[in-house]
Structure formats: C-alpha cells, structure tokens
Amino acid sequence: MVGVLLLAVTTGCSSSEASDALILEPVATSMPSTLLENSATSGPSETSTSSTTPPVVSLQGNYVARVFAKFPHDPLAYTQGLEWHEGWLYESTGQYGASDRRRIDPATGEIDLLVPLADELFGEGLTIVDDEVLQLTWREGELQRSGVDDLETRTTQRYEGEGWGLCHDGDAFFMSDGSSTLTKRNTTTFEATSAFEVTANGEPVALLNELECVGDQVFANVYGLDQIVAIDPRSGIVVAVIDASSLRPAELSADDLDFVLNGMAYQPEAGRWFLTGKYWPVLYEVEFVAD
C-alpha cells in the first residue's frame, strides 16, 4: 500500500508543559503487510470473544480507528497507561496526589481494584509481564512491581531519567521518556541494554508517550496528537500512523493537552484495541483499518 503518514516532528517537553507547535512531515511508504504468529495468552472477555485468536498484522501505511463499541470510562482518570489481561483492563493514572493503578471491568467501566500511589509520585506508563504489573513514575525514577491479583507493591527498582511509556515484547521492555528515544531494558533487572531513536524521513519523532508492544512492532501515542505511530524497533523507523482524532469526545477541547489521546491496550482474542484519553468519559473498542 502507498500512503502518506502524518507525523509530529518536534522537540521534547514534559507531560505537564504545553507542547510546542507541531510540524507535520509527509512520509511516503510502499511496503506490504505481513502476518505474524501471535504468542499472547488468551483469556475470557466480557466485550468481544473469538474461538480462534487472529494473527497479528504488521501495519504499514495510513489507518483510522473504526469503532466497534463504546464503554464508560472514569472522567476523573488522567490516563497514563492501559493494558488488557485475562478479561480485565489495567490502567495507570497520573498527577501528584491523584496517581493510582487500577483494574477495571471494560464493559461497565467499574473499578474492581485501586491502589493509590504516594502523593509525591506521579504515575506513568504501565504494562504486564506474566502475573506482574509494572508501573513507571514520571520524574521520581521509581518502577513499581505489583501483583495482578491485588495490585499491591511487591518490589521497586530505580532507573535514570523520566518515565513515560512502557511495554514488553516477550523478551525485553521498551520505555519512552518523552523524547524521540526508546530504551530497551532487561526484564528482571530493568537495566538499560540499548537505545534507539525513532525517526520519520530521517527526522526524530519526539514526545513518544504510552507504548504497546504487539507482534514485531512498538505502538506509541504521540503527546499532543490524537495519533498513534507504529515503529519498527529494528530500525527505529515509523512505518504506520493511526489517526484517532475522530474519537475525542466533542465536549473536550481539541486544543487542551489535558484531554489528549493516551491509553491503548491490544486485545489479542479479538484482534482489536481499547483506546481512551486523559479525562475521557468513554473507552472505545476499535479496529485499525486502512485509510
């Protein structure tokens, strides 16, 4: 497929500061989609079910988010991370004095479990490995590991720099820090093992935020845009862009960074995604379709 990708090429800023003007850079693509085997573990779902887990498709080109269903979402949640696991959605929220991690019923939006963070911690990205929930903090350099069953902190680990987004590809973590760089980290020690810059047309794509590892690609929200980019971690090149701007609730200002798209979770059983945003009252179940 041949398309044009709209990408934010800009300088980094913190998640509490206003974004600089974004420069949209056209990027030509001409690469076929490929099918990959899905190694994700199946689990029960209250929303969409499938008797056969569909293969993961590597995205190439332009996509839009097609809505299958809408569900309620806590409008007071400053969403930082979202993850699907065995029929539940796990969510991390931010802001000093209001950060937490929670387990929610995706069909009703009801909170099943909630563990608040200390007031001096600003919650950031979240992912799950086996039976462990891992949550970053923004400027505090603290990773918290908790159990999926109770969300209570088991251990903490330290890291350098800011923490924004986090995902795990079955082998290692990928972590964003609000810049154009993604860092790979060891599953056990969380030590950095390598880093690479994400680019489009040879230019850095900054403000990479929430992450989701699916198949052989890393998906990233771009802070300040209602878009998601798909990254080839072997080259650091953005190979696809998903436009989700149509999902933002009409009552939320399109110019307010407090209401940006942020929060994506892949549901392998149905081959669909859950998307939401900061302070959004709605959670969408969507499929990415070629535009």
C-alpha atoms as a PDB file:
ATOM      1  CA  MET A   1       0.000   0.000   0.000  1.00  0.00           C
ATOM      2  CA  VAL A   2       1.205   3.502  -0.728  1.00  0.00           C
ATOM      3  CA  GLY A   3       0.248   6.265   1.653  1.00  0.00           C
ATOM      4  CA  VAL A   4       1.256   9.434   3.428  1.00  0.00           C
ATOM      5  CA  LEU A   5       1.980   9.397   7.126  1.00  0.00           C
ATOM      6  CA  LEU A   6       1.333  12.499   9.215  1.00  0.00           C
ATOM      7  CA  LEU A   7       3.946  12.598  11.942  1.00  0.00           C
ATOM      8  CA  ALA A   8       4.850  15.007  14.694  1.00  0.00           C
ATOM      9  CA  VAL A   9       8.466  16.101  14.299  1.00  0.00           C
ATOM     10  CA  THR A  10       9.180  18.366  17.210  1.00  0.00           C
ATOM     11  CA  THR A  11      11.261  18.926  20.305  1.00  0.00           C
ATOM     12  CA  GLY A  12      10.522  17.213  23.606  1.00  0.00           C
ATOM     13  CA  CYS A  13       8.714  18.684  26.578  1.00  0.00           C
ATOM     14  CA  SER A  14       7.460  17.390  29.893  1.00  0.00           C
ATOM     15  CA  SER A  15       3.985  15.978  30.280  1.00  0.00           C
ATOM     16  CA  SER A  16       2.902  18.949  32.384  1.00  0.00           C
ATOM     17  CA  GLU A  17       4.046  21.632  29.933  1.00  0.00           C
ATOM     18  CA  ALA A  18       2.350  22.981  26.839  1.00  0.00           C
ATOM     19  CA  SER A  19       3.535  21.446  23.581  1.00  0.00           C
ATOM     20  CA  ASP A  20       5.395  23.480  21.008  1.00  0.00           C
ATOM     21  CA  ALA A  21       3.830  23.877  17.589  1.00  0.00           C
ATOM     22  CA  LEU A  22       3.868  20.557  15.782  1.00  0.00           C
ATOM     23  CA  ILE A  23       5.322  20.224  12.299  1.00  0.00           C
ATOM     24  CA  LEU A  24       3.591  17.628  10.161  1.00  0.00           C
ATOM     25  CA  GLU A  25       6.027  15.846   7.882  1.00  0.00           C
ATOM     26  CA  PRO A  26       4.817  13.715   4.937  1.00  0.00           C
ATOM     27  CA  VAL A  27       6.437  10.303   4.721  1.00  0.00           C
ATOM     28  CA  ALA A  28       5.951   8.111   1.640  1.00  0.00           C
ATOM     29  CA  THR A  29       5.571   4.387   2.226  1.00  0.00           C
ATOM     30  CA  SER A  30       5.336   1.397  -0.062  1.00  0.00           C
ATOM     31  CA  MET A  31       5.567  -1.764   1.971  1.00  0.00           C
ATOM     32  CA  PRO A  32       3.242  -4.788   2.071  1.00  0.00           C
ATOM     33  CA  SER A  33       1.644  -6.001   5.279  1.00  0.00           C
ATOM     34  CA  THR A  34       2.961  -9.237   6.755  1.00  0.00           C
ATOM     35  CA  LEU A  35       1.317 -11.743   9.069  1.00  0.00           C
ATOM     36  CA  LEU A  36       2.959 -12.787  12.309  1.00  0.00           C
ATOM     37  CA  GLU A  37       2.133 -15.548  14.737  1.00  0.00           C
ATOM     38  CA  ASN A  38       0.502 -14.278  17.924  1.00  0.00           C
ATOM     39  CA  SER A  39       2.048 -15.645  21.110  1.00  0.00           C
ATOM     40  CA  ALA A  40      -0.252 -13.776  23.518  1.00  0.00           C
ATOM     41  CA  THR A  41      -2.159 -15.836  26.069  1.00  0.00           C
ATOM     42  CA  SER A  42      -5.918 -15.985  25.553  1.00  0.00           C
ATOM     43  CA  GLY A  43      -8.301 -15.025  28.344  1.00  0.00           C
ATOM     44  CA  PRO A  44     -12.028 -14.548  28.897  1.00  0.00           C
ATOM     45  CA  SER A  45     -13.627 -11.355  27.660  1.00  0.00           C
ATOM     46  CA  GLU A  46     -16.869  -9.661  28.579  1.00  0.00           C
ATOM     47  CA  THR A  47     -16.730  -7.486  25.472  1.00  0.00           C
ATOM     48  CA  SER A  48     -15.601  -9.367  22.358  1.00  0.00           C
ATOM     49  CA  THR A  49     -14.749 -13.033  22.083  1.00  0.00           C
ATOM     50  CA  SER A  50     -13.342 -15.257  19.390  1.00  0.00           C
ATOM     51  CA  SER A  51     -12.910 -19.018  19.283  1.00  0.00           C
ATOM     52  CA  THR A  52      -9.689 -18.555  17.337  1.00  0.00           C
ATOM     53  CA  THR A  53      -7.055 -15.988  18.164  1.00  0.00           C
ATOM     54  CA  PRO A  54      -6.440 -13.999  14.976  1.00  0.00           C
ATOM     55  CA  PRO A  55      -2.896 -13.465  13.707  1.00  0.00           C
ATOM     56  CA  VAL A  56      -1.176 -10.167  14.428  1.00  0.00           C
ATOM     57  CA  VAL A  57      -0.866  -7.980  11.343  1.00  0.00           C
ATOM     58  CA  SER A  58       2.153  -5.714  10.983  1.00  0.00           C
ATOM     59  CA  LEU A  59       0.808  -2.333   9.952  1.00  0.00           C
ATOM     60  CA  GLN A  60       2.235  -0.315   7.069  1.00  0.00           C
ATOM     61  CA  GLY A  61       0.781   2.998   5.877  1.00  0.00           C
ATOM     62  CA  ASN A  62      -2.211   5.057   6.969  1.00  0.00           C
ATOM     63  CA  TYR A  63      -5.008   3.818   9.208  1.00  0.00           C
ATOM     64  CA  VAL A  64      -8.051   5.095  11.044  1.00  0.00           C
ATOM     65  CA  ALA A  65      -9.731   3.707  14.149  1.00  0.00           C
ATOM     66  CA  ARG A  66     -13.089   2.077  13.344  1.00  0.00           C
ATOM     67  CA  VAL A  67     -15.330   1.863  16.400  1.00  0.00           C
ATOM     68  CA  PHE A  68     -16.969  -1.443  17.345  1.00  0.00           C
ATOM     69  CA  ALA A  69     -18.224  -0.467  20.790  1.00  0.00           C
ATOM     70  CA  LYS A  70     -18.191   2.319  23.380  1.00  0.00           C
ATOM     71  CA  PHE A  71     -17.963   1.815  27.126  1.00  0.00           C
ATOM     72  CA  PRO A  72     -17.971   4.169  30.109  1.00  0.00           C
ATOM     73  CA  HIS A  73     -14.641   5.393  31.468  1.00  0.00           C
ATOM     74  CA  ASP A  74     -13.787   7.328  34.614  1.00  0.00           C
ATOM     75  CA  PRO A  75     -13.761  11.030  33.580  1.00  0.00           C
ATOM     76  CA  LEU A  76     -11.522  11.824  36.554  1.00  0.00           C
ATOM     77  CA  ALA A  77      -8.757   9.461  35.390  1.00  0.00           C
ATOM     78  CA  TYR A  78      -5.656  11.157  33.977  1.00  0.00           C
ATOM     79  CA  THR A  79      -4.862   8.048  31.945  1.00  0.00           C
ATOM     80  CA  GLN A  80      -1.175   7.207  31.536  1.00  0.00           C
ATOM     81  CA  GLY A  81      -1.167   3.520  30.648  1.00  0.00           C
ATOM     82  CA  LEU A  82      -3.642   0.802  29.687  1.00  0.00           C
ATOM     83  CA  GLU A  83      -3.213  -2.961  29.410  1.00  0.00           C
ATOM     84  CA  TRP A  84      -5.514  -5.909  28.680  1.00  0.00           C
ATOM     85  CA  HIS A  85      -5.044  -9.062  30.744  1.00  0.00           C
ATOM     86  CA  GLU A  86      -7.369 -12.050  31.106  1.00  0.00           C
ATOM     87  CA  GLY A  87     -10.588 -10.141  30.587  1.00  0.00           C
ATOM     88  CA  TRP A  88      -9.643  -7.089  32.655  1.00  0.00           C
ATOM     89  CA  LEU A  89      -8.192  -3.713  31.782  1.00  0.00           C
ATOM     90  CA  TYR A  90      -5.378  -2.449  33.969  1.00  0.00           C
ATOM     91  CA  GLU A  91      -4.925   1.308  33.988  1.00  0.00           C
ATOM     92  CA  SER A  92      -2.401   3.719  35.469  1.00  0.00           C
ATOM     93  CA  THR A  93      -3.257   7.336  36.223  1.00  0.00           C
ATOM     94  CA  GLY A  94      -1.118  10.402  36.871  1.00  0.00           C
ATOM     95  CA  GLN A  95      -0.961  13.752  38.684  1.00  0.00           C
ATOM     96  CA  TYR A  96       0.658  14.354  42.061  1.00  0.00           C
ATOM     97  CA  GLY A  97      -1.686  13.413  44.866  1.00  0.00           C
ATOM     98  CA  ALA A  98      -4.048  11.610  42.488  1.00  0.00           C
ATOM     99  CA  SER A  99      -1.984   8.832  40.866  1.00  0.00           C
ATOM    100  CA  ASP A 100      -3.003   5.203  41.111  1.00  0.00           C
ATOM    101  CA  ARG A 101      -3.186   1.885  39.320  1.00  0.00           C
ATOM    102  CA  ARG A 102      -6.481   0.123  38.927  1.00  0.00           C
ATOM    103  CA  ARG A 103      -8.224  -2.904  37.482  1.00  0.00           C
ATOM    104  CA  ILE A 104     -11.448  -2.144  35.655  1.00  0.00           C
ATOM    105  CA  ASP A 105     -14.257  -4.061  34.007  1.00  0.00           C
ATOM    106  CA  PRO A 106     -14.045  -2.913  30.378  1.00  0.00           C
ATOM    107  CA  ALA A 107     -17.752  -3.495  29.730  1.00  0.00           C
ATOM    108  CA  THR A 108     -19.011  -1.347  32.604  1.00  0.00           C
ATOM    109  CA  GLY A 109     -16.090   0.919  33.457  1.00  0.00           C
ATOM    110  CA  GLU A 110     -16.431  -0.109  37.088  1.00  0.00           C
ATOM    111  CA  ILE A 111     -13.241  -0.123  39.159  1.00  0.00           C
ATOM    112  CA  ASP A 112     -12.632  -3.567  40.658  1.00  0.00           C
ATOM    113  CA  LEU A 113      -9.336  -2.764  42.400  1.00  0.00           C
ATOM    114  CA  LEU A 114      -7.495   0.500  43.023  1.00  0.00           C
ATOM    115  CA  VAL A 115      -4.170   1.142  44.736  1.00  0.00           C
ATOM    116  CA  PRO A 116      -3.149   4.795  45.139  1.00  0.00           C
ATOM    117  CA  LEU A 117       0.450   5.919  44.775  1.00  0.00           C
ATOM    118  CA  ALA A 118       2.147   8.089  47.370  1.00  0.00           C
ATOM    119  CA  ASP A 119       1.380  11.784  46.939  1.00  0.00           C
ATOM    120  CA  GLU A 120       4.968  12.523  45.905  1.00  0.00           C
ATOM    121  CA  LEU A 121       4.774  10.082  42.974  1.00  0.00           C
ATOM    122  CA  PHE A 122       3.388  10.941  39.523  1.00  0.00           C
ATOM    123  CA  GLY A 123       2.126   7.738  37.926  1.00  0.00           C
ATOM    124  CA  GLU A 124       3.098   6.983  34.319  1.00  0.00           C
ATOM    125  CA  GLY A 125       3.063   4.049  31.879  1.00  0.00           C
ATOM    126  CA  LEU A 126       2.073   0.506  32.822  1.00  0.00           C
ATOM    127  CA  THR A 127       2.498  -2.984  31.400  1.00  0.00           C
ATOM    128  CA  ILE A 128       2.048  -6.596  32.495  1.00  0.00           C
ATOM    129  CA  VAL A 129       4.511  -9.484  32.344  1.00  0.00           C
ATOM    130  CA  ASP A 130       3.159 -12.866  33.487  1.00  0.00           C
ATOM    131  CA  ASP A 131       1.455 -12.138  36.835  1.00  0.00           C
ATOM    132  CA  GLU A 132       3.215  -8.847  37.464  1.00  0.00           C
ATOM    133  CA  VAL A 133       2.042  -5.284  36.840  1.00  0.00           C
ATOM    134  CA  LEU A 134       4.852  -2.797  36.262  1.00  0.00           C
ATOM    135  CA  GLN A 135       4.240   0.946  36.614  1.00  0.00           C
ATOM    136  CA  LEU A 136       6.584   3.845  35.917  1.00  0.00           C
ATOM    137  CA  THR A 137       6.759   7.194  37.652  1.00  0.00           C
ATOM    138  CA  TRP A 138       7.449  10.458  35.833  1.00  0.00           C
ATOM    139  CA  ARG A 139      10.448  12.197  37.421  1.00  0.00           C
ATOM    140  CA  GLU A 140      10.914  10.061  40.524  1.00  0.00           C
ATOM    141  CA  GLY A 141      12.865   7.257  38.807  1.00  0.00           C
ATOM    142  CA  GLU A 142      10.874   4.541  40.555  1.00  0.00           C
ATOM    143  CA  LEU A 143       9.444   1.429  38.921  1.00  0.00           C
ATOM    144  CA  GLN A 144       6.833  -0.391  40.998  1.00  0.00           C
ATOM    145  CA  ARG A 145       6.185  -4.099  40.516  1.00  0.00           C
ATOM    146  CA  SER A 146       2.866  -5.383  41.835  1.00  0.00           C
ATOM    147  CA  GLY A 147       0.687  -8.482  41.520  1.00  0.00           C
ATOM    148  CA  VAL A 148      -2.173  -8.678  39.019  1.00  0.00           C
ATOM    149  CA  ASP A 149      -4.450 -10.097  41.727  1.00  0.00           C
ATOM    150  CA  ASP A 150      -4.120  -7.343  44.341  1.00  0.00           C
ATOM    151  CA  LEU A 151      -2.035  -4.535  42.712  1.00  0.00           C
ATOM    152  CA  GLU A 152      -0.049  -4.213  45.925  1.00  0.00           C
ATOM    153  CA  THR A 153       3.604  -3.233  45.510  1.00  0.00           C
ATOM    154  CA  ARG A 154       5.972  -6.185  45.762  1.00  0.00           C
ATOM    155  CA  THR A 155       9.262  -4.545  44.864  1.00  0.00           C
ATOM    156  CA  THR A 156      10.599  -1.291  43.456  1.00  0.00           C
ATOM    157  CA  GLN A 157      13.531  -0.623  41.128  1.00  0.00           C
ATOM    158  CA  ARG A 158      15.385   2.526  40.114  1.00  0.00           C
ATOM    159  CA  TYR A 159      16.072   3.997  36.687  1.00  0.00           C
ATOM    160  CA  GLU A 160      17.591   7.183  35.321  1.00  0.00           C
ATOM    161  CA  GLY A 161      15.617   9.888  33.557  1.00  0.00           C
ATOM    162  CA  GLU A 162      11.902  10.423  33.085  1.00  0.00           C
ATOM    163  CA  GLY A 163       9.429   7.573  32.727  1.00  0.00           C
ATOM    164  CA  TRP A 164       6.565   7.972  30.240  1.00  0.00           C
ATOM    165  CA  GLY A 165       5.501   4.765  28.457  1.00  0.00           C
ATOM    166  CA  LEU A 166       6.311   1.076  28.931  1.00  0.00           C
ATOM    167  CA  CYS A 167       5.645  -2.187  27.077  1.00  0.00           C
ATOM    168  CA  HIS A 168       7.144  -5.684  26.884  1.00  0.00           C
ATOM    169  CA  ASP A 169       7.618  -7.706  23.694  1.00  0.00           C
ATOM    170  CA  GLY A 170       8.104 -11.084  25.398  1.00  0.00           C
ATOM    171  CA  ASP A 171      11.855 -10.596  25.602  1.00  0.00           C
ATOM    172  CA  ALA A 172      12.551  -7.089  26.913  1.00  0.00           C
ATOM    173  CA  PHE A 173      10.922  -3.834  27.953  1.00  0.00           C
ATOM    174  CA  PHE A 174      10.670  -0.775  25.738  1.00  0.00           C
ATOM    175  CA  MET A 175      10.452   2.519  27.606  1.00  0.00           C
ATOM    176  CA  SER A 176       9.795   6.081  26.447  1.00  0.00           C
ATOM    177  CA  ASP A 177      10.854   9.279  28.203  1.00  0.00           C
ATOM    178  CA  GLY A 178       9.023  11.949  26.196  1.00  0.00           C
ATOM    179  CA  SER A 179      11.829  12.340  23.689  1.00  0.00           C
ATOM    180  CA  SER A 180      12.355  10.581  20.356  1.00  0.00           C
ATOM    181  CA  THR A 181      14.345   7.810  22.048  1.00  0.00           C
ATOM    182  CA  LEU A 182      13.113   4.382  23.127  1.00  0.00           C
ATOM    183  CA  THR A 183      15.207   2.400  25.606  1.00  0.00           C
ATOM    184  CA  LYS A 184      15.294  -1.402  25.839  1.00  0.00           C
ATOM    185  CA  ARG A 185      15.519  -2.755  29.375  1.00  0.00           C
ATOM    186  CA  ASN A 186      16.170  -6.129  30.947  1.00  0.00           C
ATOM    187  CA  THR A 187      13.044  -7.967  32.093  1.00  0.00           C
ATOM    188  CA  THR A 188      14.463  -8.868  35.501  1.00  0.00           C
ATOM    189  CA  THR A 189      16.856  -6.082  36.446  1.00  0.00           C
ATOM    190  CA  PHE A 190      15.235  -3.255  34.447  1.00  0.00           C
ATOM    191  CA  GLU A 191      18.716  -2.107  33.488  1.00  0.00           C
ATOM    192  CA  ALA A 192      19.028  -0.353  30.131  1.00  0.00           C
ATOM    193  CA  THR A 193      20.553  -2.614  27.484  1.00  0.00           C
ATOM    194  CA  SER A 194      20.283  -0.411  24.387  1.00  0.00           C
ATOM    195  CA  ALA A 195      18.500   2.629  22.971  1.00  0.00           C
ATOM    196  CA  PHE A 196      17.477   3.877  19.559  1.00  0.00           C
ATOM    197  CA  GLU A 197      15.972   6.999  18.037  1.00  0.00           C
ATOM    198  CA  VAL A 198      12.566   6.912  16.365  1.00  0.00           C
ATOM    199  CA  THR A 199      12.570   8.704  13.029  1.00  0.00           C
ATOM    200  CA  ALA A 200      10.474   9.580  10.002  1.00  0.00           C
ATOM    201  CA  ASN A 201      12.086  10.966   6.847  1.00  0.00           C
ATOM    202  CA  GLY A 202      15.329  10.932   8.792  1.00  0.00           C
ATOM    203  CA  GLU A 203      13.904  13.337  11.379  1.00  0.00           C
ATOM    204  CA  PRO A 204      13.295  12.462  15.050  1.00  0.00           C
ATOM    205  CA  VAL A 205       9.713  11.890  16.161  1.00  0.00           C
ATOM    206  CA  ALA A 206       9.571  13.269  19.678  1.00  0.00           C
ATOM    207  CA  LEU A 207       7.046  13.249  22.516  1.00  0.00           C
ATOM    208  CA  LEU A 208       6.635   9.469  22.361  1.00  0.00           C
ATOM    209  CA  ASN A 209       4.344   8.592  25.237  1.00  0.00           C
ATOM    210  CA  GLU A 210       2.261   5.500  26.086  1.00  0.00           C
ATOM    211  CA  LEU A 211       3.554   2.287  24.466  1.00  0.00           C
ATOM    212  CA  GLU A 212       2.097  -1.060  23.445  1.00  0.00           C
ATOM    213  CA  CYS A 213       4.157  -3.953  22.063  1.00  0.00           C
ATOM    214  CA  VAL A 214       2.204  -6.015  19.514  1.00  0.00           C
ATOM    215  CA  GLY A 215       3.820  -8.568  17.239  1.00  0.00           C
ATOM    216  CA  ASP A 216       7.121  -7.176  15.973  1.00  0.00           C
ATOM    217  CA  GLN A 217       6.080  -3.523  16.296  1.00  0.00           C
ATOM    218  CA  VAL A 218       6.018  -0.952  19.072  1.00  0.00           C
ATOM    219  CA  PHE A 219       2.989   1.342  19.063  1.00  0.00           C
ATOM    220  CA  ALA A 220       3.258   4.777  20.642  1.00  0.00           C
ATOM    221  CA  ASN A 221       0.914   7.607  21.459  1.00  0.00           C
ATOM    222  CA  VAL A 222       2.427  10.952  20.471  1.00  0.00           C
ATOM    223  CA  TYR A 223       1.807  13.505  23.209  1.00  0.00           C
ATOM    224  CA  GLY A 224      -0.163  16.435  21.843  1.00  0.00           C
ATOM    225  CA  LEU A 225      -1.661  14.492  18.929  1.00  0.00           C
ATOM    226  CA  ASP A 226      -4.626  12.139  18.706  1.00  0.00           C
ATOM    227  CA  GLN A 227      -2.467   9.801  16.624  1.00  0.00           C
ATOM    228  CA  ILE A 228      -0.671   6.529  17.208  1.00  0.00           C
ATOM    229  CA  VAL A 229       2.540   5.565  15.417  1.00  0.00           C
ATOM    230  CA  ALA A 230       3.729   2.033  14.690  1.00  0.00           C
ATOM    231  CA  ILE A 231       7.505   1.673  14.980  1.00  0.00           C
ATOM    232  CA  ASP A 232       9.840  -0.988  13.653  1.00  0.00           C
ATOM    233  CA  PRO A 233      12.167  -1.428  16.658  1.00  0.00           C
ATOM    234  CA  ARG A 234      14.878  -2.950  14.472  1.00  0.00           C
ATOM    235  CA  SER A 235      15.327   0.286  12.532  1.00  0.00           C
ATOM    236  CA  GLY A 236      13.541   2.869  14.685  1.00  0.00           C
ATOM    237  CA  ILE A 237      11.515   3.938  11.633  1.00  0.00           C
ATOM    238  CA  VAL A 238       7.830   4.803  11.878  1.00  0.00           C
ATOM    239  CA  VAL A 239       6.062   2.546   9.380  1.00  0.00           C
ATOM    240  CA  ALA A 240       2.401   3.384  10.074  1.00  0.00           C
ATOM    241  CA  VAL A 241       0.198   6.057  11.584  1.00  0.00           C
ATOM    242  CA  ILE A 242      -3.279   5.579  13.025  1.00  0.00           C
ATOM    243  CA  ASP A 243      -5.495   8.665  13.072  1.00  0.00           C
ATOM    244  CA  ALA A 244      -7.759   8.500  16.126  1.00  0.00           C
ATOM    245  CA  SER A 245      -8.756  12.171  16.173  1.00  0.00           C
ATOM    246  CA  SER A 246     -12.398  11.331  15.485  1.00  0.00           C
ATOM    247  CA  LEU A 247     -12.627   9.573  18.856  1.00  0.00           C
ATOM    248  CA  ARG A 248     -12.091  12.617  21.067  1.00  0.00           C
ATOM    249  CA  PRO A 249     -15.388  13.420  22.826  1.00  0.00           C
ATOM    250  CA  ALA A 250     -16.963  16.586  21.439  1.00  0.00           C
ATOM    251  CA  GLU A 251     -17.199  18.209  24.868  1.00  0.00           C
ATOM    252  CA  LEU A 252     -13.411  18.049  25.354  1.00  0.00           C
ATOM    253  CA  SER A 253     -11.362  20.830  23.801  1.00  0.00           C
ATOM    254  CA  ALA A 254      -9.192  19.752  20.873  1.00  0.00           C
ATOM    255  CA  ASP A 255      -6.556  22.299  21.937  1.00  0.00           C
ATOM    256  CA  ASP A 256      -6.243  21.257  25.585  1.00  0.00           C
ATOM    257  CA  LEU A 257      -3.332  18.905  26.300  1.00  0.00           C
ATOM    258  CA  ASP A 258      -5.130  17.639  29.396  1.00  0.00           C
ATOM    259  CA  PHE A 259      -7.530  15.795  27.080  1.00  0.00           C
ATOM    260  CA  VAL A 260      -5.195  14.121  24.598  1.00  0.00           C
ATOM    261  CA  LEU A 261      -5.484  10.539  23.424  1.00  0.00           C
ATOM    262  CA  ASN A 262      -3.439   8.406  25.811  1.00  0.00           C
ATOM    263  CA  GLY A 263      -4.176   4.820  26.702  1.00  0.00           C
ATOM    264  CA  MET A 264      -4.165   1.861  24.330  1.00  0.00           C
ATOM    265  CA  ALA A 265      -4.479  -1.833  25.018  1.00  0.00           C
ATOM    266  CA  TYR A 266      -4.411  -4.631  22.461  1.00  0.00           C
ATOM    267  CA  GLN A 267      -6.936  -7.453  22.916  1.00  0.00           C
ATOM    268  CA  PRO A 268      -5.401 -10.491  21.184  1.00  0.00           C
ATOM    269  CA  GLU A 269      -8.518 -12.674  21.466  1.00  0.00           C
ATOM    270  CA  ALA A 270     -10.419 -10.386  19.099  1.00  0.00           C
ATOM    271  CA  GLY A 271      -7.529  -8.647  17.339  1.00  0.00           C
ATOM    272  CA  ARG A 272      -8.921  -5.290  18.448  1.00  0.00           C
ATOM    273  CA  TRP A 273      -7.796  -2.360  20.564  1.00  0.00           C
ATOM    274  CA  PHE A 274      -9.139  -0.431  23.514  1.00  0.00           C
ATOM    275  CA  LEU A 275      -8.443   3.312  23.280  1.00  0.00           C
ATOM    276  CA  THR A 276      -9.149   6.184  25.641  1.00  0.00           C
ATOM    277  CA  GLY A 277      -7.626   9.500  26.682  1.00  0.00           C
ATOM    278  CA  LYS A 278      -6.864  11.698  29.646  1.00  0.00           C
ATOM    279  CA  TYR A 279     -10.097  12.547  31.453  1.00  0.00           C
ATOM    280  CA  TRP A 280     -12.150  10.919  28.692  1.00  0.00           C
ATOM    281  CA  PRO A 281     -15.586   9.703  29.832  1.00  0.00           C
ATOM    282  CA  VAL A 282     -15.550   6.983  27.191  1.00  0.00           C
ATOM    283  CA  LEU A 283     -13.482   3.914  26.291  1.00  0.00           C
ATOM    284  CA  TYR A 284     -13.576   2.654  22.702  1.00  0.00           C
ATOM    285  CA  GLU A 285     -13.132  -0.831  21.309  1.00  0.00           C
ATOM    286  CA  VAL A 286     -11.719  -0.328  17.818  1.00  0.00           C
ATOM    287  CA  GLU A 287     -10.038  -1.924  14.865  1.00  0.00           C
ATOM    288  CA  PHE A 288      -7.352  -0.197  12.794  1.00  0.00           C
ATOM    289  CA  VAL A 289      -8.422  -0.120   9.151  1.00  0.00           C
ATOM    290  CA  ALA A 290      -6.518   1.153   6.137  1.00  0.00           C
ATOM    291  CA  ASP A 291      -7.372   4.711   5.165  1.00  0.00           C
END
